[in-house]
């Protein structure tokens, strides 16, 4: 399993930050007008600005500016599934979510944590 989530091209990541990011700040980070684009998973905020899939019109734009834990656990891009809640999910869905955390952590800089989030591990 070594290398299962390794990126195809090496990625140089900055040390993770734990700056508090308010929900208002997160909601604004959708990549609109060339701005920052963030996705949170389990309250951890990743900077996905460089990935066009998360930008307006991209296949994963539903996750931009939100905590997408629920949708990622279900491998869904439906707006209705994009929620920060995940603790009620099945063990299989939780495992899938943890795989996404690993995937994101190997590709995107951690820029902070959602302030007052209650969905951490």
Protein backbone atom coordinates (compact mmCIF):
# COMPACT_ATOMS: atom_id res chain seq x y z
CA UNK A 1 0.00 0.00 0.00
CA UNK A 2 2.96 2.31 0.20
CA UNK A 3 2.52 5.05 -2.35
CA UNK A 4 -1.21 4.44 -2.80
CA UNK A 5 -2.01 8.12 -2.37
CA UNK A 6 1.23 9.57 -3.64
CA UNK A 7 0.84 12.31 -6.27
CA UNK A 8 2.03 11.56 -9.81
CA UNK A 9 4.33 14.57 -9.65
CA UNK A 10 6.24 15.45 -6.46
CA UNK A 11 4.62 18.26 -4.45
CA UNK A 12 6.56 20.62 -2.19
CA UNK A 13 4.24 21.47 0.71
CA UNK A 14 4.64 24.23 3.26
CA UNK A 15 4.48 23.28 6.94
CA UNK A 16 0.81 22.93 7.96
CA UNK A 17 -0.76 25.95 9.63
CA UNK A 18 -3.38 25.90 12.32
CA UNK A 19 -4.62 29.47 11.84
CA UNK A 20 -8.31 29.85 12.70
CA UNK A 21 -10.44 30.36 9.58
CA UNK A 22 -13.97 31.55 10.18
CA UNK A 23 -16.89 30.05 8.26
CA UNK A 24 -17.34 33.47 6.65
CA UNK A 25 -13.74 33.39 5.38
CA UNK A 26 -14.13 29.81 4.16
CA UNK A 27 -17.37 30.58 2.27
CA UNK A 28 -15.61 33.38 0.42
CA UNK A 29 -12.72 31.14 -0.72
CA UNK A 30 -14.44 29.67 -3.79
CA UNK A 31 -11.91 30.67 -6.43
CA UNK A 32 -14.30 33.29 -7.83
CA UNK A 33 -12.61 36.17 -9.66
CA UNK A 34 -9.21 34.50 -9.35
CA UNK A 35 -9.33 34.47 -5.55
CA UNK A 36 -8.26 31.78 -3.12
CA UNK A 37 -10.01 28.44 -3.22
CA UNK A 38 -10.24 26.36 -0.04
CA UNK A 39 -11.80 23.00 0.81
CA UNK A 40 -12.12 21.78 4.39
CA UNK A 41 -12.21 18.16 5.49
CA UNK A 42 -12.89 17.30 9.13
CA UNK A 43 -12.36 20.97 9.96
CA UNK A 44 -8.89 21.15 8.36
CA UNK A 45 -8.65 23.74 5.56
CA UNK A 46 -6.69 22.92 2.41
CA UNK A 47 -5.65 25.45 -0.25
CA UNK A 48 -6.77 23.95 -3.59
CA UNK A 49 -6.39 27.23 -5.51
CA UNK A 50 -4.03 25.70 -8.08
CA UNK A 51 -6.40 22.89 -9.09
CA UNK A 52 -8.87 23.91 -11.83
CA UNK A 53 -11.30 21.17 -10.78
CA UNK A 54 -12.21 23.21 -7.68
CA UNK A 55 -12.50 26.53 -9.52
CA UNK A 56 -15.85 27.89 -10.81
CA UNK A 57 -17.05 25.55 -13.55
CA UNK A 58 -14.83 22.70 -12.33
CA UNK A 59 -16.12 19.22 -11.53
CA UNK A 60 -15.39 19.61 -7.80
CA UNK A 61 -16.46 23.25 -7.41
CA UNK A 62 -19.33 22.12 -5.14
CA UNK A 63 -16.66 21.58 -2.45
CA UNK A 64 -15.08 25.05 -2.78
CA UNK A 65 -15.52 27.27 0.25
CA UNK A 66 -17.06 24.49 2.32
CA UNK A 67 -16.28 21.57 4.59
CA UNK A 68 -16.96 18.71 2.19
CA UNK A 69 -16.47 15.83 4.64
CA UNK A 70 -19.90 14.26 4.10
CA UNK A 71 -19.70 14.36 0.30
CA UNK A 72 -16.15 13.01 0.19
CA UNK A 73 -17.08 10.16 2.54
CA UNK A 74 -19.90 9.24 0.15
CA UNK A 75 -17.79 9.95 -2.96
CA UNK A 76 -20.50 12.34 -4.06
CA UNK A 77 -20.41 15.74 -5.76
CA UNK A 78 -24.06 16.47 -5.01
CA UNK A 79 -24.62 19.79 -3.22
CA UNK A 80 -26.97 18.06 -0.75
CA UNK A 81 -24.12 15.80 0.42
CA UNK A 82 -21.62 18.64 0.97
CA UNK A 83 -21.72 18.89 4.74
CA UNK A 84 -19.24 18.98 7.58
CA UNK A 85 -21.03 16.15 9.38
CA UNK A 86 -19.47 12.71 9.12
CA UNK A 87 -19.55 11.02 12.54
CA UNK A 88 -22.93 9.37 11.83
CA UNK A 89 -21.66 7.68 8.66
CA UNK A 90 -20.89 4.00 8.19
CA UNK A 91 -17.44 2.62 8.98
CA UNK A 92 -16.81 2.18 5.26
CA UNK A 93 -17.69 5.83 4.57
CA UNK A 94 -15.47 6.95 7.45
CA UNK A 95 -12.62 4.91 5.98
CA UNK A 96 -13.19 6.53 2.60
CA UNK A 97 -13.14 9.95 4.26
CA UNK A 98 -9.84 9.13 5.96
CA UNK A 99 -8.44 8.13 2.56
CA UNK A 100 -9.46 11.58 1.25
CA UNK A 101 -7.70 13.24 4.18
CA UNK A 102 -4.53 11.35 3.26
CA UNK A 103 -4.98 12.22 -0.43
CA UNK A 104 -5.44 15.96 0.28
CA UNK A 105 -2.61 16.09 2.82
CA UNK A 106 -0.15 14.83 0.21
CA UNK A 107 -1.21 17.40 -2.41
CA UNK A 108 -2.42 20.61 -0.82
CA UNK A 109 -1.13 23.00 1.81
CA UNK A 110 -3.01 23.09 5.10
CA UNK A 111 -3.79 26.78 5.68
CA UNK A 112 -5.73 26.47 8.91
CA UNK A 113 -8.63 25.01 10.82
CA UNK A 114 -12.26 26.04 10.70
CA UNK A 115 -12.84 28.20 13.77
CA UNK A 116 -15.29 26.61 16.21
CA UNK A 117 -15.50 23.42 14.12
CA UNK A 118 -16.75 20.39 16.04
CA UNK A 119 -16.07 17.75 13.39
CA UNK A 120 -12.40 17.05 14.11
CA UNK A 121 -11.31 13.48 14.88
